[in-house]
Amino acid sequence: FGIDVQKGACIIDYAQPERREIVRGIYDRVIHHGETFETDITIPVKNGQPKVFHLSYKAARNQQRDVVGAFVTARDVTEIRATT
């Protein structure tokens, strides 16, 4: 998407400005409460049609089962959503 991602930067800083608090809340639920969360998000693309991604957030745990981070997967579902 033409974003210059910096190593060590907070991922929330790369969220769309209008979604930052929503994303912060999702990470809070996943990291502090061990919840799993899924959602679809539409991302505008310069000079093109918006893309739709299905995002899945899951707690990353160590061997003691403590939450130490989050796994986030994104799947481009633009074509699938266009046909439903």
PDB file of N, CA and C in Angstrom:
ATOM      1  N   PHE A   1       0.806  -1.198   0.000  1.00  0.00           N
ATOM      2  CA  PHE A   1       0.000   0.000   0.000  1.00  0.00           C
ATOM      3  C   PHE A   1       0.851   1.265   0.000  1.00  0.00           C
ATOM      4  N   GLY A   2       2.137   1.131  -0.203  1.00  0.00           N
ATOM      5  CA  GLY A   2       3.017   2.290  -0.257  1.00  0.00           C
ATOM      6  C   GLY A   2       3.333   2.890   1.098  1.00  0.00           C
ATOM      7  N   ILE A   3       3.170   2.108   2.166  1.00  0.00           N
ATOM      8  CA  ILE A   3       3.453   2.600   3.513  1.00  0.00           C
ATOM      9  C   ILE A   3       4.874   2.208   3.890  1.00  0.00           C
ATOM     10  N   ASP A   4       5.637   3.168   4.376  1.00  0.00           N
ATOM     11  CA  ASP A   4       7.005   2.903   4.823  1.00  0.00           C
ATOM     12  C   ASP A   4       6.951   2.457   6.281  1.00  0.00           C
ATOM     13  N   VAL A   5       6.970   1.149   6.511  1.00  0.00           N
ATOM     14  CA  VAL A   5       6.860   0.597   7.854  1.00  0.00           C
ATOM     15  C   VAL A   5       8.237   0.572   8.505  1.00  0.00           C
ATOM     16  N   GLN A   6       8.311   1.099   9.719  1.00  0.00           N
ATOM     17  CA  GLN A   6       9.564   1.173  10.447  1.00  0.00           C
ATOM     18  C   GLN A   6       9.665   0.049  11.475  1.00  0.00           C
ATOM     19  N   LYS A   7      10.785  -0.632  11.512  1.00  0.00           N
ATOM     20  CA  LYS A   7      11.005  -1.687  12.490  1.00  0.00           C
ATOM     21  C   LYS A   7      10.894  -1.110  13.901  1.00  0.00           C
ATOM     22  N   GLY A   8      10.142  -1.813  14.761  1.00  0.00           N
ATOM     23  CA  GLY A   8       9.984  -1.395  16.145  1.00  0.00           C
ATOM     24  C   GLY A   8       8.862  -0.400  16.377  1.00  0.00           C
ATOM     25  N   ALA A   9       8.235   0.088  15.300  1.00  0.00           N
ATOM     26  CA  ALA A   9       7.137   1.047  15.451  1.00  0.00           C
ATOM     27  C   ALA A   9       5.879   0.329  15.933  1.00  0.00           C
ATOM     28  N   CYS A  10       4.997   1.057  16.560  1.00  0.00           N
ATOM     29  CA  CYS A  10       3.728   0.510  17.040  1.00  0.00           C
ATOM     30  C   CYS A  10       2.799   0.288  15.848  1.00  0.00           C
ATOM     31  N   ILE A  11       2.282  -0.920  15.708  1.00  0.00           N
ATOM     32  CA  ILE A  11       1.413  -1.268  14.583  1.00  0.00           C
ATOM     33  C   ILE A  11       0.159  -0.393  14.550  1.00  0.00           C
ATOM     34  N   ILE A  12      -0.291   0.051  15.709  1.00  0.00           N
ATOM     35  CA  ILE A  12      -1.496   0.882  15.766  1.00  0.00           C
ATOM     36  C   ILE A  12      -1.289   2.197  15.026  1.00  0.00           C
ATOM     37  N   ASP A  13      -0.059   2.684  14.988  1.00  0.00           N
ATOM     38  CA  ASP A  13       0.230   3.933  14.285  1.00  0.00           C
ATOM     39  C   ASP A  13      -0.018   3.822  12.785  1.00  0.00           C
ATOM     40  N   TYR A  14      -0.085   2.608  12.256  1.00  0.00           N
ATOM     41  CA  TYR A  14      -0.303   2.405  10.826  1.00  0.00           C
ATOM     42  C   TYR A  14      -1.777   2.184  10.486  1.00  0.00           C
ATOM     43  N   ALA A  15      -2.625   2.099  11.499  1.00  0.00           N
ATOM     44  CA  ALA A  15      -4.061   1.944  11.258  1.00  0.00           C
ATOM     45  C   ALA A  15      -4.616   3.237  10.679  1.00  0.00           C
ATOM     46  N   GLN A  16      -5.720   3.109   9.946  1.00  0.00           N
ATOM     47  CA  GLN A  16      -6.398   4.297   9.449  1.00  0.00           C
ATOM     48  C   GLN A  16      -6.756   5.165  10.654  1.00  0.00           C
ATOM     49  N   PRO A  17      -6.548   6.467  10.566  1.00  0.00           N
ATOM     50  CA  PRO A  17      -6.785   7.350  11.720  1.00  0.00           C
ATOM     51  C   PRO A  17      -8.149   7.139  12.386  1.00  0.00           C
ATOM     52  N   GLU A  18      -9.185   6.942  11.584  1.00  0.00           N
ATOM     53  CA  GLU A  18     -10.520   6.771  12.154  1.00  0.00           C
ATOM     54  C   GLU A  18     -10.716   5.406  12.818  1.00  0.00           C
ATOM     55  N   ARG A  19      -9.769   4.494  12.647  1.00  0.00           N
ATOM     56  CA  ARG A  19      -9.869   3.156  13.239  1.00  0.00           C
ATOM     57  C   ARG A  19      -8.881   2.914  14.376  1.00  0.00           C
ATOM     58  N   ARG A  20      -8.033   3.871  14.686  1.00  0.00           N
ATOM     59  CA  ARG A  20      -6.972   3.633  15.680  1.00  0.00           C
ATOM     60  C   ARG A  20      -7.510   3.209  17.036  1.00  0.00           C
ATOM     61  N   GLU A  21      -8.544   3.851  17.525  1.00  0.00           N
ATOM     62  CA  GLU A  21      -9.086   3.479  18.838  1.00  0.00           C
ATOM     63  C   GLU A  21      -9.740   2.107  18.791  1.00  0.00           C
ATOM     64  N   ILE A  22     -10.365   1.772  17.673  1.00  0.00           N
ATOM     65  CA  ILE A  22     -10.958   0.442  17.508  1.00  0.00           C
ATOM     66  C   ILE A  22      -9.863  -0.619  17.546  1.00  0.00           C
ATOM     67  N   VAL A  23      -8.785  -0.382  16.800  1.00  0.00           N
ATOM     68  CA  VAL A  23      -7.665  -1.332  16.759  1.00  0.00           C
ATOM     69  C   VAL A  23      -7.020  -1.450  18.139  1.00  0.00           C
ATOM     70  N   ARG A  24      -6.857  -0.338  18.827  1.00  0.00           N
ATOM     71  CA  ARG A  24      -6.291  -0.356  20.179  1.00  0.00           C
ATOM     72  C   ARG A  24      -7.159  -1.234  21.091  1.00  0.00           C
ATOM     73  N   GLY A  25      -8.470  -1.121  20.967  1.00  0.00           N
ATOM     74  CA  GLY A  25      -9.385  -1.941  21.757  1.00  0.00           C
ATOM     75  C   GLY A  25      -9.278  -3.420  21.423  1.00  0.00           C
ATOM     76  N   ILE A  26      -9.106  -3.728  20.136  1.00  0.00           N
ATOM     77  CA  ILE A  26      -8.948  -5.125  19.724  1.00  0.00           C
ATOM     78  C   ILE A  26      -7.678  -5.709  20.336  1.00  0.00           C
ATOM     79  N   TYR A  27      -6.566  -4.991  20.222  1.00  0.00           N
ATOM     80  CA  TYR A  27      -5.316  -5.487  20.799  1.00  0.00           C
ATOM     81  C   TYR A  27      -5.428  -5.641  22.314  1.00  0.00           C
ATOM     82  N   ASP A  28      -6.156  -4.741  22.968  1.00  0.00           N
ATOM     83  CA  ASP A  28      -6.354  -4.861  24.412  1.00  0.00           C
ATOM     84  C   ASP A  28      -7.088  -6.157  24.736  1.00  0.00           C
ATOM     85  N   ARG A  29      -8.136  -6.455  23.991  1.00  0.00           N
ATOM     86  CA  ARG A  29      -8.902  -7.682  24.228  1.00  0.00           C
ATOM     87  C   ARG A  29      -8.049  -8.928  23.997  1.00  0.00           C
ATOM     88  N   VAL A  30      -7.224  -8.887  22.962  1.00  0.00           N
ATOM     89  CA  VAL A  30      -6.402 -10.051  22.620  1.00  0.00           C
ATOM     90  C   VAL A  30      -5.239 -10.213  23.596  1.00  0.00           C
ATOM     91  N   ILE A  31      -4.494  -9.154  23.835  1.00  0.00           N
ATOM     92  CA  ILE A  31      -3.276  -9.254  24.643  1.00  0.00           C
ATOM     93  C   ILE A  31      -3.575  -9.315  26.143  1.00  0.00           C
ATOM     94  N   HIS A  32      -4.528  -8.531  26.614  1.00  0.00           N
ATOM     95  CA  HIS A  32      -4.788  -8.507  28.056  1.00  0.00           C
ATOM     96  C   HIS A  32      -5.836  -9.513  28.518  1.00  0.00           C
ATOM     97  N   HIS A  33      -6.647 -10.001  27.595  1.00  0.00           N
ATOM     98  CA  HIS A  33      -7.717 -10.917  27.981  1.00  0.00           C
ATOM     99  C   HIS A  33      -7.653 -12.252  27.246  1.00  0.00           C
ATOM    100  N   GLY A  34      -6.702 -12.397  26.326  1.00  0.00           N
ATOM    101  CA  GLY A  34      -6.517 -13.665  25.618  1.00  0.00           C
ATOM    102  C   GLY A  34      -7.625 -14.013  24.643  1.00  0.00           C
ATOM    103  N   GLU A  35      -8.416 -13.029  24.252  1.00  0.00           N
ATOM    104  CA  GLU A  35      -9.530 -13.276  23.344  1.00  0.00           C
ATOM    105  C   GLU A  35      -9.053 -13.436  21.904  1.00  0.00           C
ATOM    106  N   THR A  36      -9.898 -14.041  21.084  1.00  0.00           N
ATOM    107  CA  THR A  36      -9.710 -14.124  19.637  1.00  0.00           C
ATOM    108  C   THR A  36     -10.727 -13.177  19.017  1.00  0.00           C
ATOM    109  N   PHE A  37     -10.326 -12.487  17.957  1.00  0.00           N
ATOM    110  CA  PHE A  37     -11.212 -11.508  17.346  1.00  0.00           C
ATOM    111  C   PHE A  37     -11.044 -11.563  15.841  1.00  0.00           C
ATOM    112  N   GLU A  38     -12.151 -11.496  15.107  1.00  0.00           N
ATOM    113  CA  GLU A  38     -12.111 -11.473  13.641  1.00  0.00           C
ATOM    114  C   GLU A  38     -12.989 -10.345  13.132  1.00  0.00           C
ATOM    115  N   THR A  39     -12.550  -9.722  12.045  1.00  0.00           N
ATOM    116  CA  THR A  39     -13.311  -8.633  11.447  1.00  0.00           C
ATOM    117  C   THR A  39     -12.899  -8.456   9.990  1.00  0.00           C
ATOM    118  N   ASP A  40     -13.735  -7.798   9.224  1.00  0.00           N
ATOM    119  CA  ASP A  40     -13.389  -7.389   7.868  1.00  0.00           C
ATOM    120  C   ASP A  40     -13.140  -5.893   7.885  1.00  0.00           C
ATOM    121  N   ILE A  41     -12.214  -5.454   7.068  1.00  0.00           N
ATOM    122  CA  ILE A  41     -11.893  -4.031   6.967  1.00  0.00           C
ATOM    123  C   ILE A  41     -11.689  -3.676   5.498  1.00  0.00           C
ATOM    124  N   THR A  42     -12.199  -2.528   5.118  1.00  0.00           N
ATOM    125  CA  THR A  42     -12.013  -2.023   3.762  1.00  0.00           C
ATOM    126  C   THR A  42     -10.917  -0.975   3.800  1.00  0.00           C
ATOM    127  N   ILE A  43      -9.935  -1.136   2.921  1.00  0.00           N
ATOM    128  CA  ILE A  43      -8.796  -0.216   2.883  1.00  0.00           C
ATOM    129  C   ILE A  43      -8.771   0.472   1.524  1.00  0.00           C
ATOM    130  N   PRO A  44      -8.801   1.806   1.528  1.00  0.00           N
ATOM    131  CA  PRO A  44      -8.734   2.528   0.255  1.00  0.00           C
ATOM    132  C   PRO A  44      -7.363   2.346  -0.396  1.00  0.00           C
ATOM    133  N   VAL A  45      -7.372   2.271  -1.706  1.00  0.00           N
ATOM    134  CA  VAL A  45      -6.137   2.105  -2.468  1.00  0.00           C
ATOM    135  C   VAL A  45      -6.053   3.254  -3.468  1.00  0.00           C
ATOM    136  N   LYS A  46      -4.895   3.920  -3.494  1.00  0.00           N
ATOM    137  CA  LYS A  46      -4.715   5.019  -4.443  1.00  0.00           C
ATOM    138  C   LYS A  46      -4.912   4.502  -5.862  1.00  0.00           C
ATOM    139  N   ASN A  47      -5.680   5.257  -6.650  1.00  0.00           N
ATOM    140  CA  ASN A  47      -5.901   4.949  -8.061  1.00  0.00           C
ATOM    141  C   ASN A  47      -6.456   3.547  -8.293  1.00  0.00           C
ATOM    142  N   GLY A  48      -7.303   3.080  -7.402  1.00  0.00           N
ATOM    143  CA  GLY A  48      -7.870   1.757  -7.603  1.00  0.00           C
ATOM    144  C   GLY A  48      -9.063   1.515  -6.705  1.00  0.00           C
ATOM    145  N   GLN A  49      -9.641   0.349  -6.862  1.00  0.00           N
ATOM    146  CA  GLN A  49     -10.776  -0.039  -6.039  1.00  0.00           C
ATOM    147  C   GLN A  49     -10.301  -0.359  -4.628  1.00  0.00           C
ATOM    148  N   PRO A  50     -11.109  -0.057  -3.624  1.00  0.00           N
ATOM    149  CA  PRO A  50     -10.745  -0.426  -2.252  1.00  0.00           C
ATOM    150  C   PRO A  50     -10.572  -1.931  -2.123  1.00  0.00           C
ATOM    151  N   LYS A  51      -9.722  -2.347  -1.214  1.00  0.00           N
ATOM    152  CA  LYS A  51      -9.484  -3.759  -0.926  1.00  0.00           C
ATOM    153  C   LYS A  51     -10.197  -4.118   0.372  1.00  0.00           C
ATOM    154  N   VAL A  52     -10.718  -5.334   0.432  1.00  0.00           N
ATOM    155  CA  VAL A  52     -11.366  -5.827   1.643  1.00  0.00           C
ATOM    156  C   VAL A  52     -10.499  -6.946   2.201  1.00  0.00           C
ATOM    157  N   PHE A  53     -10.160  -6.840   3.477  1.00  0.00           N
ATOM    158  CA  PHE A  53      -9.344  -7.854   4.138  1.00  0.00           C
ATOM    159  C   PHE A  53     -10.099  -8.438   5.321  1.00  0.00           C
ATOM    160  N   HIS A  54      -9.958  -9.745   5.494  1.00  0.00           N
ATOM    161  CA  HIS A  54     -10.472 -10.409   6.688  1.00  0.00           C
ATOM    162  C   HIS A  54      -9.295 -10.505   7.648  1.00  0.00           C
ATOM    163  N   LEU A  55      -9.440  -9.901   8.839  1.00  0.00           N
ATOM    164  CA  LEU A  55      -8.372  -9.896   9.834  1.00  0.00           C
ATOM    165  C   LEU A  55      -8.729 -10.835  10.973  1.00  0.00           C
ATOM    166  N   SER A  56      -7.736 -11.585  11.405  1.00  0.00           N
ATOM    167  CA  SER A  56      -7.905 -12.489  12.537  1.00  0.00           C
ATOM    168  C   SER A  56      -6.813 -12.185  13.549  1.00  0.00           C
ATOM    169  N   TYR A  57      -7.221 -11.939  14.794  1.00  0.00           N
ATOM    170  CA  TYR A  57      -6.301 -11.630  15.886  1.00  0.00           C
ATOM    171  C   TYR A  57      -6.380 -12.766  16.904  1.00  0.00           C
ATOM    172  N   LYS A  58      -5.233 -13.335  17.257  1.00  0.00           N
ATOM    173  CA  LYS A  58      -5.199 -14.412  18.249  1.00  0.00           C
ATOM    174  C   LYS A  58      -4.033 -14.173  19.201  1.00  0.00           C
ATOM    175  N   ALA A  59      -4.231 -14.560  20.447  1.00  0.00           N
ATOM    176  CA  ALA A  59      -3.192 -14.388  21.455  1.00  0.00           C
ATOM    177  C   ALA A  59      -2.006 -15.307  21.165  1.00  0.00           C
ATOM    178  N   ALA A  60      -0.796 -14.766  21.287  1.00  0.00           N
ATOM    179  CA  ALA A  60       0.439 -15.563  21.199  1.00  0.00           C
ATOM    180  C   ALA A  60       0.851 -15.869  22.627  1.00  0.00           C
ATOM    181  N   ARG A  61       1.079 -17.130  22.910  1.00  0.00           N
ATOM    182  CA  ARG A  61       1.371 -17.548  24.281  1.00  0.00           C
ATOM    183  C   ARG A  61       2.733 -18.225  24.373  1.00  0.00           C
ATOM    184  N   ASN A  62       3.361 -18.087  25.541  1.00  0.00           N
ATOM    185  CA  ASN A  62       4.623 -18.781  25.780  1.00  0.00           C
ATOM    186  C   ASN A  62       4.326 -20.186  26.324  1.00  0.00           C
ATOM    187  N   GLN A  63       5.361 -20.924  26.717  1.00  0.00           N
ATOM    188  CA  GLN A  63       5.176 -22.291  27.196  1.00  0.00           C
ATOM    189  C   GLN A  63       4.376 -22.353  28.497  1.00  0.00           C
ATOM    190  N   GLN A  64       4.348 -21.261  29.244  1.00  0.00           N
ATOM    191  CA  GLN A  64       3.579 -21.216  30.485  1.00  0.00           C
ATOM    192  C   GLN A  64       2.130 -20.783  30.226  1.00  0.00           C
ATOM    193  N   ARG A  65       1.788 -20.567  28.956  1.00  0.00           N
ATOM    194  CA  ARG A  65       0.454 -20.162  28.518  1.00  0.00           C
ATOM    195  C   ARG A  65       0.136 -18.691  28.819  1.00  0.00           C
ATOM    196  N   ASP A  66       1.183 -17.909  29.171  1.00  0.00           N
ATOM    197  CA  ASP A  66       0.999 -16.476  29.358  1.00  0.00           C
ATOM    198  C   ASP A  66       0.907 -15.811  27.985  1.00  0.00           C
ATOM    199  N   VAL A  67       0.052 -14.818  27.852  1.00  0.00           N
ATOM    200  CA  VAL A  67      -0.042 -14.077  26.596  1.00  0.00           C
ATOM    201  C   VAL A  67       1.169 -13.155  26.489  1.00  0.00           C
ATOM    202  N   VAL A  68       1.921 -13.293  25.387  1.00  0.00           N
ATOM    203  CA  VAL A  68       3.132 -12.499  25.192  1.00  0.00           C
ATOM    204  C   VAL A  68       3.059 -11.617  23.939  1.00  0.00           C
ATOM    205  N   GLY A  69       1.948 -11.678  23.243  1.00  0.00           N
ATOM    206  CA  GLY A  69       1.801 -10.884  22.033  1.00  0.00           C
ATOM    207  C   GLY A  69       0.557 -11.296  21.293  1.00  0.00           C
ATOM    208  N   ALA A  70       0.507 -10.960  20.010  1.00  0.00           N
ATOM    209  CA  ALA A  70      -0.659 -11.290  19.196  1.00  0.00           C
ATOM    210  C   ALA A  70      -0.217 -11.747  17.820  1.00  0.00           C
ATOM    211  N   PHE A  71      -0.908 -12.762  17.316  1.00  0.00           N
ATOM    212  CA  PHE A  71      -0.761 -13.174  15.924  1.00  0.00           C
ATOM    213  C   PHE A  71      -1.876 -12.466  15.162  1.00  0.00           C
ATOM    214  N   VAL A  72      -1.520 -11.810  14.079  1.00  0.00           N
ATOM    215  CA  VAL A  72      -2.525 -11.152  13.257  1.00  0.00           C
ATOM    216  C   VAL A  72      -2.343 -11.650  11.832  1.00  0.00           C
ATOM    217  N   THR A  73      -3.425 -12.164  11.272  1.00  0.00           N
ATOM    218  CA  THR A  73      -3.375 -12.594   9.876  1.00  0.00           C
ATOM    219  C   THR A  73      -4.384 -11.770   9.085  1.00  0.00           C
ATOM    220  N   ALA A  74      -4.018 -11.456   7.869  1.00  0.00           N
ATOM    221  CA  ALA A  74      -4.892 -10.690   6.986  1.00  0.00           C
ATOM    222  C   ALA A  74      -5.016 -11.451   5.670  1.00  0.00           C
ATOM    223  N   ARG A  75      -6.254 -11.624   5.230  1.00  0.00           N
ATOM    224  CA  ARG A  75      -6.501 -12.329   3.976  1.00  0.00           C
ATOM    225  C   ARG A  75      -7.307 -11.408   3.074  1.00  0.00           C
ATOM    226  N   ASP A  76      -6.822 -11.206   1.852  1.00  0.00           N
ATOM    227  CA  ASP A  76      -7.520 -10.364   0.885  1.00  0.00           C
ATOM    228  C   ASP A  76      -8.770 -11.115   0.428  1.00  0.00           C
ATOM    229  N   VAL A  77      -9.939 -10.587   0.782  1.00  0.00           N
ATOM    230  CA  VAL A  77     -11.204 -11.222   0.421  1.00  0.00           C
ATOM    231  C   VAL A  77     -12.006 -10.319  -0.515  1.00  0.00           C
ATOM    232  N   THR A  78     -11.344  -9.409  -1.182  1.00  0.00           N
ATOM    233  CA  THR A  78     -12.022  -8.445  -2.053  1.00  0.00           C
ATOM    234  C   THR A  78     -12.890  -9.144  -3.073  1.00  0.00           C
ATOM    235  N   GLU A  79     -12.351 -10.111  -3.772  1.00  0.00           N
ATOM    236  CA  GLU A  79     -13.129 -10.806  -4.819  1.00  0.00           C
ATOM    237  C   GLU A  79     -14.263 -11.618  -4.231  1.00  0.00           C
ATOM    238  N   ILE A  80     -14.038 -12.243  -3.094  1.00  0.00           N
ATOM    239  CA  ILE A  80     -15.082 -13.047  -2.455  1.00  0.00           C
ATOM    240  C   ILE A  80     -16.235 -12.157  -2.015  1.00  0.00           C
ATOM    241  N   ARG A  81     -15.924 -11.019  -1.397  1.00  0.00           N
ATOM    242  CA  ARG A  81     -16.975 -10.115  -0.912  1.00  0.00           C
ATOM    243  C   ARG A  81     -17.732  -9.469  -2.063  1.00  0.00           C
ATOM    244  N   ALA A  82     -17.097  -9.298  -3.214  1.00  0.00           N
ATOM    245  CA  ALA A  82     -17.756  -8.693  -4.369  1.00  0.00           C
ATOM    246  C   ALA A  82     -18.824  -9.608  -4.941  1.00  0.00           C
ATOM    247  N   THR A  83     -18.719 -10.904  -4.694  1.00  0.00           N
ATOM    248  CA  THR A  83     -19.690 -11.852  -5.249  1.00  0.00           C
ATOM    249  C   THR A  83     -20.770 -12.236  -4.261  1.00  0.00           C
ATOM    250  N   THR A  84     -20.678 -11.724  -3.015  1.00  0.00           N
ATOM    251  CA  THR A  84     -21.700 -12.091  -2.021  1.00  0.00           C
ATOM    252  C   THR A  84     -22.640 -10.949  -1.744  1.00  0.00           C
TER     253      THR A  84
END
